[in-house]
Amino acid sequence: MTEPTGKNNRKHKRLNVDIPVKIVLTEGDVVRANLCNLSVSGAGITYPVAADAGVVLELHFVVNTRQGRYPIQVKAQVVHNFLYKNQYVIGVSFMDMSKEQARALGEYLVVLQSLRRRQE
């Protein structure tokens, strides 16, 4: 995807991705969406409706590492959202990622960035 990456006051650079994500809402309902960008500290989620800033969501997604598929389960707070091509991009900041999950996610992002550089 080539959508805008949103606000620029981030801790880490985000990479564009297309990863299915299961979202557990505050009320316990589960919805499915896609991550459109990702860093070790947050993500962008494409979804047909906006989310209120400050809401806490529970995200479940999988990244590929050298050791295989690694499941990530993390709480994330909605920071902002904006309309882009008939969908909302919901920007979230990760809240409670374990060190092991952060390591796996960081490894995934480094490999992804390296592969993309080779393709340029």
PDB file of N, CA and C in Angstrom:
ATOM      1  N   MET A   1       0.845  -1.184   0.000  1.00  0.00           N
ATOM      2  CA  MET A   1       0.000   0.000   0.000  1.00  0.00           C
ATOM      3  C   MET A   1       0.884   1.238   0.000  1.00  0.00           C
ATOM      4  N   THR A   2       0.339   2.286  -0.528  1.00  0.00           N
ATOM      5  CA  THR A   2       1.101   3.523  -0.565  1.00  0.00           C
ATOM      6  C   THR A   2       0.382   4.646   0.160  1.00  0.00           C
ATOM      7  N   GLU A   3      -0.459   4.290   1.111  1.00  0.00           N
ATOM      8  CA  GLU A   3      -1.201   5.331   1.821  1.00  0.00           C
ATOM      9  C   GLU A   3      -0.281   6.155   2.699  1.00  0.00           C
ATOM     10  N   PRO A   4      -0.738   7.341   3.067  1.00  0.00           N
ATOM     11  CA  PRO A   4       0.075   8.177   3.938  1.00  0.00           C
ATOM     12  C   PRO A   4       0.317   7.459   5.257  1.00  0.00           C
ATOM     13  N   THR A   5       1.440   7.730   5.863  1.00  0.00           N
ATOM     14  CA  THR A   5       1.773   7.066   7.119  1.00  0.00           C
ATOM     15  C   THR A   5       1.248   7.806   8.339  1.00  0.00           C
ATOM     16  N   GLY A   6       0.517   8.890   8.149  1.00  0.00           N
ATOM     17  CA  GLY A   6      -0.083   9.593   9.286  1.00  0.00           C
ATOM     18  C   GLY A   6       0.883  10.575   9.918  1.00  0.00           C
ATOM     19  N   LYS A   7       0.746  10.761  11.228  1.00  0.00           N
ATOM     20  CA  LYS A   7       1.554  11.751  11.943  1.00  0.00           C
ATOM     21  C   LYS A   7       3.025  11.353  11.952  1.00  0.00           C
ATOM     22  N   ASN A   8       3.888  12.348  11.985  1.00  0.00           N
ATOM     23  CA  ASN A   8       5.321  12.103  11.935  1.00  0.00           C
ATOM     24  C   ASN A   8       6.001  12.114  13.295  1.00  0.00           C
ATOM     25  N   ASN A   9       5.254  12.247  14.381  1.00  0.00           N
ATOM     26  CA  ASN A   9       5.874  12.278  15.711  1.00  0.00           C
ATOM     27  C   ASN A   9       5.907  10.874  16.314  1.00  0.00           C
ATOM     28  N   ARG A  10       6.582   9.964  15.631  1.00  0.00           N
ATOM     29  CA  ARG A  10       6.651   8.565  16.040  1.00  0.00           C
ATOM     30  C   ARG A  10       8.009   8.249  16.640  1.00  0.00           C
ATOM     31  N   LYS A  11       8.017   7.213  17.483  1.00  0.00           N
ATOM     32  CA  LYS A  11       9.281   6.738  18.040  1.00  0.00           C
ATOM     33  C   LYS A  11      10.105   5.995  16.989  1.00  0.00           C
ATOM     34  N   HIS A  12       9.414   5.227  16.115  1.00  0.00           N
ATOM     35  CA  HIS A  12      10.087   4.389  15.131  1.00  0.00           C
ATOM     36  C   HIS A  12       9.439   4.550  13.763  1.00  0.00           C
ATOM     37  N   LYS A  13      10.258   4.395  12.719  1.00  0.00           N
ATOM     38  CA  LYS A  13       9.756   4.462  11.348  1.00  0.00           C
ATOM     39  C   LYS A  13       8.830   3.274  11.089  1.00  0.00           C
ATOM     40  N   ARG A  14       7.741   3.545  10.398  1.00  0.00           N
ATOM     41  CA  ARG A  14       6.803   2.480  10.040  1.00  0.00           C
ATOM     42  C   ARG A  14       7.074   2.001   8.619  1.00  0.00           C
ATOM     43  N   LEU A  15       6.903   0.694   8.435  1.00  0.00           N
ATOM     44  CA  LEU A  15       7.004   0.102   7.104  1.00  0.00           C
ATOM     45  C   LEU A  15       5.612  -0.270   6.630  1.00  0.00           C
ATOM     46  N   ASN A  16       5.338  -0.075   5.347  1.00  0.00           N
ATOM     47  CA  ASN A  16       4.059  -0.498   4.798  1.00  0.00           C
ATOM     48  C   ASN A  16       4.001  -2.019   4.764  1.00  0.00           C
ATOM     49  N   VAL A  17       2.883  -2.573   5.200  1.00  0.00           N
ATOM     50  CA  VAL A  17       2.666  -4.015   5.242  1.00  0.00           C
ATOM     51  C   VAL A  17       1.208  -4.288   4.856  1.00  0.00           C
ATOM     52  N   ASP A  18       0.880  -5.541   4.721  1.00  0.00           N
ATOM     53  CA  ASP A  18      -0.502  -5.976   4.528  1.00  0.00           C
ATOM     54  C   ASP A  18      -0.653  -7.272   5.313  1.00  0.00           C
ATOM     55  N   ILE A  19      -0.970  -7.132   6.596  1.00  0.00           N
ATOM     56  CA  ILE A  19      -1.028  -8.273   7.513  1.00  0.00           C
ATOM     57  C   ILE A  19      -2.422  -8.336   8.137  1.00  0.00           C
ATOM     58  N   PRO A  20      -3.092  -9.489   8.031  1.00  0.00           N
ATOM     59  CA  PRO A  20      -4.390  -9.625   8.701  1.00  0.00           C
ATOM     60  C   PRO A  20      -4.227  -9.474  10.217  1.00  0.00           C
ATOM     61  N   VAL A  21      -5.202  -8.812  10.844  1.00  0.00           N
ATOM     62  CA  VAL A  21      -5.167  -8.620  12.294  1.00  0.00           C
ATOM     63  C   VAL A  21      -6.551  -8.876  12.867  1.00  0.00           C
ATOM     64  N   LYS A  22      -6.585  -9.575  13.989  1.00  0.00           N
ATOM     65  CA  LYS A  22      -7.825  -9.761  14.738  1.00  0.00           C
ATOM     66  C   LYS A  22      -7.797  -8.734  15.864  1.00  0.00           C
ATOM     67  N   ILE A  23      -8.892  -7.987  16.001  1.00  0.00           N
ATOM     68  CA  ILE A  23      -8.961  -6.934  17.011  1.00  0.00           C
ATOM     69  C   ILE A  23     -10.047  -7.284  18.021  1.00  0.00           C
ATOM     70  N   VAL A  24      -9.660  -7.322  19.300  1.00  0.00           N
ATOM     71  CA  VAL A  24     -10.630  -7.511  20.373  1.00  0.00           C
ATOM     72  C   VAL A  24     -10.945  -6.120  20.914  1.00  0.00           C
ATOM     73  N   LEU A  25     -12.210  -5.725  20.756  1.00  0.00           N
ATOM     74  CA  LEU A  25     -12.645  -4.400  21.194  1.00  0.00           C
ATOM     75  C   LEU A  25     -12.852  -4.378  22.703  1.00  0.00           C
ATOM     76  N   THR A  26     -12.975  -3.194  23.258  1.00  0.00           N
ATOM     77  CA  THR A  26     -13.149  -3.024  24.706  1.00  0.00           C
ATOM     78  C   THR A  26     -14.320  -3.840  25.229  1.00  0.00           C
ATOM     79  N   GLU A  27     -15.403  -3.926  24.439  1.00  0.00           N
ATOM     80  CA  GLU A  27     -16.597  -4.657  24.866  1.00  0.00           C
ATOM     81  C   GLU A  27     -16.442  -6.164  24.722  1.00  0.00           C
ATOM     82  N   GLY A  28     -15.328  -6.624  24.141  1.00  0.00           N
ATOM     83  CA  GLY A  28     -15.099  -8.043  23.951  1.00  0.00           C
ATOM     84  C   GLY A  28     -15.443  -8.543  22.557  1.00  0.00           C
ATOM     85  N   ASP A  29     -16.068  -7.698  21.733  1.00  0.00           N
ATOM     86  CA  ASP A  29     -16.366  -8.089  20.350  1.00  0.00           C
ATOM     87  C   ASP A  29     -15.057  -8.248  19.583  1.00  0.00           C
ATOM     88  N   VAL A  30     -15.073  -9.138  18.578  1.00  0.00           N
ATOM     89  CA  VAL A  30     -13.888  -9.375  17.760  1.00  0.00           C
ATOM     90  C   VAL A  30     -14.189  -8.964  16.319  1.00  0.00           C
ATOM     91  N   VAL A  31     -13.282  -8.189  15.724  1.00  0.00           N
ATOM     92  CA  VAL A  31     -13.394  -7.798  14.319  1.00  0.00           C
ATOM     93  C   VAL A  31     -12.089  -8.137  13.618  1.00  0.00           C
ATOM     94  N   ARG A  32     -12.175  -8.263  12.308  1.00  0.00           N
ATOM     95  CA  ARG A  32     -10.978  -8.536  11.509  1.00  0.00           C
ATOM     96  C   ARG A  32     -10.690  -7.330  10.631  1.00  0.00           C
ATOM     97  N   ALA A  33      -9.403  -7.028  10.488  1.00  0.00           N
ATOM     98  CA  ALA A  33      -8.965  -5.882   9.694  1.00  0.00           C
ATOM     99  C   ALA A  33      -7.591  -6.220   9.123  1.00  0.00           C
ATOM    100  N   ASN A  34      -6.879  -5.201   8.623  1.00  0.00           N
ATOM    101  CA  ASN A  34      -5.522  -5.381   8.103  1.00  0.00           C
ATOM    102  C   ASN A  34      -4.607  -4.304   8.654  1.00  0.00           C
ATOM    103  N   LEU A  35      -3.390  -4.722   9.007  1.00  0.00           N
ATOM    104  CA  LEU A  35      -2.349  -3.753   9.334  1.00  0.00           C
ATOM    105  C   LEU A  35      -1.833  -3.217   8.009  1.00  0.00           C
ATOM    106  N   CYS A  36      -1.747  -1.897   7.869  1.00  0.00           N
ATOM    107  CA  CYS A  36      -1.226  -1.314   6.625  1.00  0.00           C
ATOM    108  C   CYS A  36       0.177  -0.757   6.820  1.00  0.00           C
ATOM    109  N   ASN A  37       0.568  -0.494   8.067  1.00  0.00           N
ATOM    110  CA  ASN A  37       1.947  -0.111   8.355  1.00  0.00           C
ATOM    111  C   ASN A  37       2.273  -0.569   9.768  1.00  0.00           C
ATOM    112  N   LEU A  38       3.571  -0.727  10.035  1.00  0.00           N
ATOM    113  CA  LEU A  38       3.974  -1.382  11.277  1.00  0.00           C
ATOM    114  C   LEU A  38       5.367  -0.937  11.693  1.00  0.00           C
ATOM    115  N   SER A  39       5.546  -0.753  13.002  1.00  0.00           N
ATOM    116  CA  SER A  39       6.866  -0.528  13.602  1.00  0.00           C
ATOM    117  C   SER A  39       6.879  -1.291  14.923  1.00  0.00           C
ATOM    118  N   VAL A  40       7.988  -1.231  15.641  1.00  0.00           N
ATOM    119  CA  VAL A  40       8.038  -1.920  16.930  1.00  0.00           C
ATOM    120  C   VAL A  40       7.240  -1.196  18.003  1.00  0.00           C
ATOM    121  N   SER A  41       6.792   0.027  17.715  1.00  0.00           N
ATOM    122  CA  SER A  41       6.050   0.775  18.728  1.00  0.00           C
ATOM    123  C   SER A  41       4.598   1.074  18.352  1.00  0.00           C
ATOM    124  N   GLY A  42       4.181   0.711  17.126  1.00  0.00           N
ATOM    125  CA  GLY A  42       2.810   0.993  16.748  1.00  0.00           C
ATOM    126  C   GLY A  42       2.482   0.495  15.363  1.00  0.00           C
ATOM    127  N   ALA A  43       1.239   0.776  14.939  1.00  0.00           N
ATOM    128  CA  ALA A  43       0.783   0.286  13.643  1.00  0.00           C
ATOM    129  C   ALA A  43      -0.331   1.168  13.101  1.00  0.00           C
ATOM    130  N   GLY A  44      -0.588   1.004  11.815  1.00  0.00           N
ATOM    131  CA  GLY A  44      -1.747   1.574  11.162  1.00  0.00           C
ATOM    132  C   GLY A  44      -2.661   0.438  10.773  1.00  0.00           C
ATOM    133  N   ILE A  45      -3.943   0.595  11.011  1.00  0.00           N
ATOM    134  CA  ILE A  45      -4.934  -0.439  10.730  1.00  0.00           C
ATOM    135  C   ILE A  45      -5.951   0.136   9.758  1.00  0.00           C
ATOM    136  N   THR A  46      -6.232  -0.561   8.659  1.00  0.00           N
ATOM    137  CA  THR A  46      -7.289  -0.123   7.758  1.00  0.00           C
ATOM    138  C   THR A  46      -8.583  -0.814   8.162  1.00  0.00           C
ATOM    139  N   TYR A  47      -9.659  -0.009   8.241  1.00  0.00           N
ATOM    140  CA  TYR A  47     -10.956  -0.518   8.678  1.00  0.00           C
ATOM    141  C   TYR A  47     -12.038   0.422   8.152  1.00  0.00           C
ATOM    142  N   PRO A  48     -13.251  -0.089   7.884  1.00  0.00           N
ATOM    143  CA  PRO A  48     -14.301   0.757   7.297  1.00  0.00           C
ATOM    144  C   PRO A  48     -14.826   1.877   8.195  1.00  0.00           C
ATOM    145  N   VAL A  49     -14.636   1.779   9.510  1.00  0.00           N
ATOM    146  CA  VAL A  49     -15.133   2.822  10.414  1.00  0.00           C
ATOM    147  C   VAL A  49     -13.996   3.354  11.277  1.00  0.00           C
ATOM    148  N   ALA A  50     -14.159   4.580  11.757  1.00  0.00           N
ATOM    149  CA  ALA A  50     -13.143   5.216  12.603  1.00  0.00           C
ATOM    150  C   ALA A  50     -13.204   4.652  14.021  1.00  0.00           C
ATOM    151  N   ALA A  51     -12.148   4.902  14.781  1.00  0.00           N
ATOM    152  CA  ALA A  51     -12.086   4.523  16.195  1.00  0.00           C
ATOM    153  C   ALA A  51     -11.803   5.773  17.005  1.00  0.00           C
ATOM    154  N   ASP A  52     -12.358   5.853  18.191  1.00  0.00           N
ATOM    155  CA  ASP A  52     -12.144   7.017  19.051  1.00  0.00           C
ATOM    156  C   ASP A  52     -10.725   7.025  19.611  1.00  0.00           C
ATOM    157  N   ALA A  53     -10.077   8.183  19.561  1.00  0.00           N
ATOM    158  CA  ALA A  53      -8.748   8.321  20.157  1.00  0.00           C
ATOM    159  C   ALA A  53      -8.819   7.987  21.636  1.00  0.00           C
ATOM    160  N   GLY A  54      -7.813   7.280  22.116  1.00  0.00           N
ATOM    161  CA  GLY A  54      -7.742   6.895  23.521  1.00  0.00           C
ATOM    162  C   GLY A  54      -8.274   5.511  23.812  1.00  0.00           C
ATOM    163  N   VAL A  55      -9.067   4.946  22.891  1.00  0.00           N
ATOM    164  CA  VAL A  55      -9.617   3.608  23.095  1.00  0.00           C
ATOM    165  C   VAL A  55      -8.478   2.588  23.067  1.00  0.00           C
ATOM    166  N   VAL A  56      -8.564   1.590  23.939  1.00  0.00           N
ATOM    167  CA  VAL A  56      -7.562   0.524  23.981  1.00  0.00           C
ATOM    168  C   VAL A  56      -8.131  -0.717  23.294  1.00  0.00           C
ATOM    169  N   LEU A  57      -7.355  -1.249  22.363  1.00  0.00           N
ATOM    170  CA  LEU A  57      -7.723  -2.445  21.613  1.00  0.00           C
ATOM    171  C   LEU A  57      -6.716  -3.547  21.916  1.00  0.00           C
ATOM    172  N   GLU A  58      -7.121  -4.780  21.725  1.00  0.00           N
ATOM    173  CA  GLU A  58      -6.187  -5.902  21.828  1.00  0.00           C
ATOM    174  C   GLU A  58      -5.991  -6.447  20.422  1.00  0.00           C
ATOM    175  N   LEU A  59      -4.745  -6.453  19.949  1.00  0.00           N
ATOM    176  CA  LEU A  59      -4.434  -6.893  18.592  1.00  0.00           C
ATOM    177  C   LEU A  59      -3.797  -8.273  18.607  1.00  0.00           C
ATOM    178  N   HIS A  60      -4.165  -9.087  17.625  1.00  0.00           N
ATOM    179  CA  HIS A  60      -3.584 -10.414  17.425  1.00  0.00           C
ATOM    180  C   HIS A  60      -3.183 -10.520  15.957  1.00  0.00           C
ATOM    181  N   PHE A  61      -1.879 -10.706  15.696  1.00  0.00           N
ATOM    182  CA  PHE A  61      -1.402 -10.888  14.333  1.00  0.00           C
ATOM    183  C   PHE A  61      -0.153 -11.748  14.357  1.00  0.00           C
ATOM    184  N   VAL A  62       0.297 -12.165  13.178  1.00  0.00           N
ATOM    185  CA  VAL A  62       1.433 -13.080  13.069  1.00  0.00           C
ATOM    186  C   VAL A  62       2.477 -12.469  12.146  1.00  0.00           C
ATOM    187  N   VAL A  63       3.749 -12.566  12.556  1.00  0.00           N
ATOM    188  CA  VAL A  63       4.857 -12.153  11.694  1.00  0.00           C
ATOM    189  C   VAL A  63       5.755 -13.360  11.443  1.00  0.00           C
ATOM    190  N   ASN A  64       6.463 -13.328  10.334  1.00  0.00           N
ATOM    191  CA  ASN A  64       7.389 -14.409  10.000  1.00  0.00           C
ATOM    192  C   ASN A  64       8.790 -14.034  10.462  1.00  0.00           C
ATOM    193  N   THR A  65       9.404 -14.930  11.219  1.00  0.00           N
ATOM    194  CA  THR A  65      10.773 -14.733  11.680  1.00  0.00           C
ATOM    195  C   THR A  65      11.641 -15.875  11.154  1.00  0.00           C
ATOM    196  N   ARG A  66      12.903 -15.831  11.439  1.00  0.00           N
ATOM    197  CA  ARG A  66      13.799 -16.910  11.013  1.00  0.00           C
ATOM    198  C   ARG A  66      13.407 -18.246  11.651  1.00  0.00           C
ATOM    199  N   GLN A  67      12.776 -18.196  12.802  1.00  0.00           N
ATOM    200  CA  GLN A  67      12.354 -19.408  13.500  1.00  0.00           C
ATOM    201  C   GLN A  67      10.954 -19.867  13.080  1.00  0.00           C
ATOM    202  N   GLY A  68      10.294 -19.108  12.211  1.00  0.00           N
ATOM    203  CA  GLY A  68       8.954 -19.478  11.754  1.00  0.00           C
ATOM    204  C   GLY A  68       7.941 -18.396  12.086  1.00  0.00           C
ATOM    205  N   ARG A  69       6.675 -18.763  12.020  1.00  0.00           N
ATOM    206  CA  ARG A  69       5.596 -17.808  12.278  1.00  0.00           C
ATOM    207  C   ARG A  69       5.531 -17.504  13.772  1.00  0.00           C
ATOM    208  N   TYR A  70       5.481 -16.210  14.111  1.00  0.00           N
ATOM    209  CA  TYR A  70       5.484 -15.791  15.513  1.00  0.00           C
ATOM    210  C   TYR A  70       4.215 -14.975  15.793  1.00  0.00           C
ATOM    211  N   PRO A  71       3.351 -15.474  16.697  1.00  0.00           N
ATOM    212  CA  PRO A  71       2.129 -14.740  17.029  1.00  0.00           C
ATOM    213  C   PRO A  71       2.405 -13.558  17.958  1.00  0.00           C
ATOM    214  N   ILE A  72       1.818 -12.417  17.632  1.00  0.00           N
ATOM    215  CA  ILE A  72       1.914 -11.223  18.461  1.00  0.00           C
ATOM    216  C   ILE A  72       0.534 -10.935  19.043  1.00  0.00           C
ATOM    217  N   GLN A  73       0.479 -10.762  20.339  1.00  0.00           N
ATOM    218  CA  GLN A  73      -0.748 -10.336  21.024  1.00  0.00           C
ATOM    219  C   GLN A  73      -0.368  -9.148  21.885  1.00  0.00           C
ATOM    220  N   VAL A  74      -0.983  -7.985  21.601  1.00  0.00           N
ATOM    221  CA  VAL A  74      -0.556  -6.767  22.279  1.00  0.00           C
ATOM    222  C   VAL A  74      -1.732  -5.802  22.434  1.00  0.00           C
ATOM    223  N   LYS A  75      -1.746  -5.080  23.542  1.00  0.00           N
ATOM    224  CA  LYS A  75      -2.727  -4.002  23.721  1.00  0.00           C
ATOM    225  C   LYS A  75      -2.180  -2.765  23.010  1.00  0.00           C
ATOM    226  N   ALA A  76      -3.101  -2.015  22.392  1.00  0.00           N
ATOM    227  CA  ALA A  76      -2.702  -0.826  21.639  1.00  0.00           C
ATOM    228  C   ALA A  76      -3.739   0.266  21.851  1.00  0.00           C
ATOM    229  N   GLN A  77      -3.253   1.490  22.005  1.00  0.00           N
ATOM    230  CA  GLN A  77      -4.142   2.631  22.203  1.00  0.00           C
ATOM    231  C   GLN A  77      -4.274   3.411  20.898  1.00  0.00           C
ATOM    232  N   VAL A  78      -5.527   3.730  20.551  1.00  0.00           N
ATOM    233  CA  VAL A  78      -5.782   4.519  19.346  1.00  0.00           C
ATOM    234  C   VAL A  78      -5.264   5.936  19.567  1.00  0.00           C
ATOM    235  N   VAL A  79      -4.413   6.395  18.643  1.00  0.00           N
ATOM    236  CA  VAL A  79      -3.824   7.724  18.718  1.00  0.00           C
ATOM    237  C   VAL A  79      -4.560   8.688  17.794  1.00  0.00           C
ATOM    238  N   HIS A  80      -4.869   8.227  16.593  1.00  0.00           N
ATOM    239  CA  HIS A  80      -5.553   9.065  15.608  1.00  0.00           C
ATOM    240  C   HIS A  80      -6.150   8.174  14.533  1.00  0.00           C
ATOM    241  N   ASN A  81      -6.976   8.753  13.662  1.00  0.00           N
ATOM    242  CA  ASN A  81      -7.430   8.053  12.474  1.00  0.00           C
ATOM    243  C   ASN A  81      -7.800   9.076  11.419  1.00  0.00           C
ATOM    244  N   PHE A  82      -7.706   8.653  10.170  1.00  0.00           N
ATOM    245  CA  PHE A  82      -8.056   9.538   9.065  1.00  0.00           C
ATOM    246  C   PHE A  82      -8.613   8.699   7.925  1.00  0.00           C
ATOM    247  N   LEU A  83      -9.426   9.331   7.102  1.00  0.00           N
ATOM    248  CA  LEU A  83     -10.045   8.670   5.966  1.00  0.00           C
ATOM    249  C   LEU A  83      -9.069   8.660   4.799  1.00  0.00           C
ATOM    250  N   TYR A  84      -8.897   7.488   4.190  1.00  0.00           N
ATOM    251  CA  TYR A  84      -8.015   7.343   3.042  1.00  0.00           C
ATOM    252  C   TYR A  84      -8.614   6.304   2.101  1.00  0.00           C
ATOM    253  N   LYS A  85      -8.955   6.709   0.899  1.00  0.00           N
ATOM    254  CA  LYS A  85      -9.518   5.808  -0.116  1.00  0.00           C
ATOM    255  C   LYS A  85     -10.686   4.981   0.421  1.00  0.00           C
ATOM    256  N   ASN A  86     -11.679   5.637   0.967  1.00  0.00           N
ATOM    257  CA  ASN A  86     -12.923   5.015   1.443  1.00  0.00           C
ATOM    258  C   ASN A  86     -12.749   4.082   2.645  1.00  0.00           C
ATOM    259  N   GLN A  87     -11.605   4.123   3.299  1.00  0.00           N
ATOM    260  CA  GLN A  87     -11.394   3.374   4.537  1.00  0.00           C
ATOM    261  C   GLN A  87     -10.677   4.286   5.522  1.00  0.00           C
ATOM    262  N   TYR A  88     -10.800   3.949   6.778  1.00  0.00           N
ATOM    263  CA  TYR A  88     -10.058   4.691   7.789  1.00  0.00           C
ATOM    264  C   TYR A  88      -8.727   4.005   8.052  1.00  0.00           C
ATOM    265  N   VAL A  89      -7.719   4.808   8.264  1.00  0.00           N
ATOM    266  CA  VAL A  89      -6.441   4.316   8.776  1.00  0.00           C
ATOM    267  C   VAL A  89      -6.413   4.723  10.240  1.00  0.00           C
ATOM    268  N   ILE A  90      -6.395   3.728  11.102  1.00  0.00           N
ATOM    269  CA  ILE A  90      -6.416   3.945  12.547  1.00  0.00           C
ATOM    270  C   ILE A  90      -4.998   3.757  13.069  1.00  0.00           C
ATOM    271  N   GLY A  91      -4.414   4.821  13.580  1.00  0.00           N
ATOM    272  CA  GLY A  91      -3.061   4.755  14.122  1.00  0.00           C
ATOM    273  C   GLY A  91      -3.096   4.359  15.580  1.00  0.00           C
ATOM    274  N   VAL A  92      -2.322   3.328  15.922  1.00  0.00           N
ATOM    275  CA  VAL A  92      -2.281   2.857  17.308  1.00  0.00           C
ATOM    276  C   VAL A  92      -0.845   2.817  17.810  1.00  0.00           C
ATOM    277  N   SER A  93      -0.712   2.947  19.116  1.00  0.00           N
ATOM    278  CA  SER A  93       0.571   2.841  19.798  1.00  0.00           C
ATOM    279  C   SER A  93       0.524   1.614  20.700  1.00  0.00           C
ATOM    280  N   PHE A  94       1.524   0.733  20.580  1.00  0.00           N
ATOM    281  CA  PHE A  94       1.549  -0.477  21.406  1.00  0.00           C
ATOM    282  C   PHE A  94       1.804  -0.114  22.860  1.00  0.00           C
ATOM    283  N   MET A  95       1.140  -0.841  23.772  1.00  0.00           N
ATOM    284  CA  MET A  95       1.211  -0.498  25.189  1.00  0.00           C
ATOM    285  C   MET A  95       1.990  -1.501  26.049  1.00  0.00           C
ATOM    286  N   ASP A  96       1.853  -2.773  25.782  1.00  0.00           N
ATOM    287  CA  ASP A  96       2.398  -3.759  26.715  1.00  0.00           C
ATOM    288  C   ASP A  96       3.124  -4.903  26.017  1.00  0.00           C
ATOM    289  N   MET A  97       3.848  -4.605  24.985  1.00  0.00           N
ATOM    290  CA  MET A  97       4.526  -5.662  24.240  1.00  0.00           C
ATOM    291  C   MET A  97       5.664  -6.250  25.068  1.00  0.00           C
ATOM    292  N   SER A  98       5.719  -7.568  25.127  1.00  0.00           N
ATOM    293  CA  SER A  98       6.789  -8.233  25.862  1.00  0.00           C
ATOM    294  C   SER A  98       8.110  -8.058  25.117  1.00  0.00           C
ATOM    295  N   LYS A  99       9.218  -8.270  25.817  1.00  0.00           N
ATOM    296  CA  LYS A  99      10.538  -8.150  25.190  1.00  0.00           C
ATOM    297  C   LYS A  99      10.691  -9.171  24.068  1.00  0.00           C
ATOM    298  N   GLU A 100      10.170 -10.371  24.273  1.00  0.00           N
ATOM    299  CA  GLU A 100      10.268 -11.416  23.255  1.00  0.00           C
ATOM    300  C   GLU A 100       9.457 -11.052  22.012  1.00  0.00           C
ATOM    301  N   GLN A 101       8.263 -10.497  22.201  1.00  0.00           N
ATOM    302  CA  GLN A 101       7.461 -10.068  21.059  1.00  0.00           C
ATOM    303  C   GLN A 101       8.142  -8.910  20.334  1.00  0.00           C
ATOM    304  N   ALA A 102       8.692  -7.968  21.079  1.00  0.00           N
ATOM    305  CA  ALA A 102       9.394  -6.834  20.474  1.00  0.00           C
ATOM    306  C   ALA A 102      10.599  -7.321  19.677  1.00  0.00           C
ATOM    307  N   ARG A 103      11.314  -8.320  20.189  1.00  0.00           N
ATOM    308  CA  ARG A 103      12.455  -8.888  19.475  1.00  0.00           C
ATOM    309  C   ARG A 103      12.008  -9.523  18.161  1.00  0.00           C
ATOM    310  N   ALA A 104      10.949 -10.337  18.215  1.00  0.00           N
ATOM    311  CA  ALA A 104      10.448 -11.009  17.013  1.00  0.00           C
ATOM    312  C   ALA A 104       9.937  -9.995  15.990  1.00  0.00           C
ATOM    313  N   LEU A 105       9.209  -8.992  16.452  1.00  0.00           N
ATOM    314  CA  LEU A 105       8.693  -7.969  15.556  1.00  0.00           C
ATOM    315  C   LEU A 105       9.835  -7.160  14.943  1.00  0.00           C
ATOM    316  N   GLY A 106      10.816  -6.812  15.755  1.00  0.00           N
ATOM    317  CA  GLY A 106      11.986  -6.085  15.252  1.00  0.00           C
ATOM    318  C   GLY A 106      12.729  -6.887  14.203  1.00  0.00           C
ATOM    319  N   GLU A 107      12.891  -8.187  14.438  1.00  0.00           N
ATOM    320  CA  GLU A 107      13.558  -9.052  13.469  1.00  0.00           C
ATOM    321  C   GLU A 107      12.780  -9.079  12.151  1.00  0.00           C
ATOM    322  N   TYR A 108      11.470  -9.226  12.252  1.00  0.00           N
ATOM    323  CA  TYR A 108      10.632  -9.230  11.050  1.00  0.00           C
ATOM    324  C   TYR A 108      10.812  -7.938  10.255  1.00  0.00           C
ATOM    325  N   LEU A 109      10.788  -6.805  10.938  1.00  0.00           N
ATOM    326  CA  LEU A 109      10.891  -5.511  10.264  1.00  0.00           C
ATOM    327  C   LEU A 109      12.262  -5.301   9.631  1.00  0.00           C
ATOM    328  N   VAL A 110      13.323  -5.734  10.285  1.00  0.00           N
ATOM    329  CA  VAL A 110      14.673  -5.606   9.727  1.00  0.00           C
ATOM    330  C   VAL A 110      14.800  -6.436   8.449  1.00  0.00           C
ATOM    331  N   VAL A 111      14.298  -7.673   8.484  1.00  0.00           N
ATOM    332  CA  VAL A 111      14.370  -8.529   7.301  1.00  0.00           C
ATOM    333  C   VAL A 111      13.523  -7.945   6.172  1.00  0.00           C
ATOM    334  N   LEU A 112      12.321  -7.475   6.496  1.00  0.00           N
ATOM    335  CA  LEU A 112      11.447  -6.878   5.486  1.00  0.00           C
ATOM    336  C   LEU A 112      12.107  -5.667   4.838  1.00  0.00           C
ATOM    337  N   GLN A 113      12.676  -4.793   5.642  1.00  0.00           N
ATOM    338  CA  GLN A 113      13.334  -3.594   5.109  1.00  0.00           C
ATOM    339  C   GLN A 113      14.528  -3.977   4.235  1.00  0.00           C
ATOM    340  N   SER A 114      15.285  -4.979   4.656  1.00  0.00           N
ATOM    341  CA  SER A 114      16.434  -5.436   3.885  1.00  0.00           C
ATOM    342  C   SER A 114      15.999  -6.002   2.525  1.00  0.00           C
ATOM    343  N   LEU A 115      14.936  -6.783   2.510  1.00  0.00           N
ATOM    344  CA  LEU A 115      14.425  -7.340   1.259  1.00  0.00           C
ATOM    345  C   LEU A 115      13.959  -6.234   0.318  1.00  0.00           C
ATOM    346  N   ARG A 116      13.312  -5.245   0.860  1.00  0.00           N
ATOM    347  CA  ARG A 116      12.821  -4.141   0.024  1.00  0.00           C
ATOM    348  C   ARG A 116      13.959  -3.317  -0.547  1.00  0.00           C
ATOM    349  N   ARG A 117      15.016  -3.136   0.211  1.00  0.00           N
ATOM    350  CA  ARG A 117      16.182  -2.386  -0.292  1.00  0.00           C
ATOM    351  C   ARG A 117      16.834  -3.117  -1.457  1.00  0.00           C
ATOM    352  N   ARG A 118      16.890  -4.446  -1.347  1.00  0.00           N
ATOM    353  CA  ARG A 118      17.496  -5.247  -2.430  1.00  0.00           C
ATOM    354  C   ARG A 118      16.686  -5.166  -3.708  1.00  0.00           C
ATOM    355  N   GLN A 119      15.368  -4.961  -3.577  1.00  0.00           N
ATOM    356  CA  GLN A 119      14.489  -4.906  -4.748  1.00  0.00           C
ATOM    357  C   GLN A 119      14.542  -3.548  -5.447  1.00  0.00           C
ATOM    358  N   GLU A 120      15.079  -2.549  -4.785  1.00  0.00           N
ATOM    359  CA  GLU A 120      15.127  -1.194  -5.370  1.00  0.00           C
ATOM    360  C   GLU A 120      16.193  -1.083  -6.437  1.00  0.00           C
TER     361      GLU A 120
END
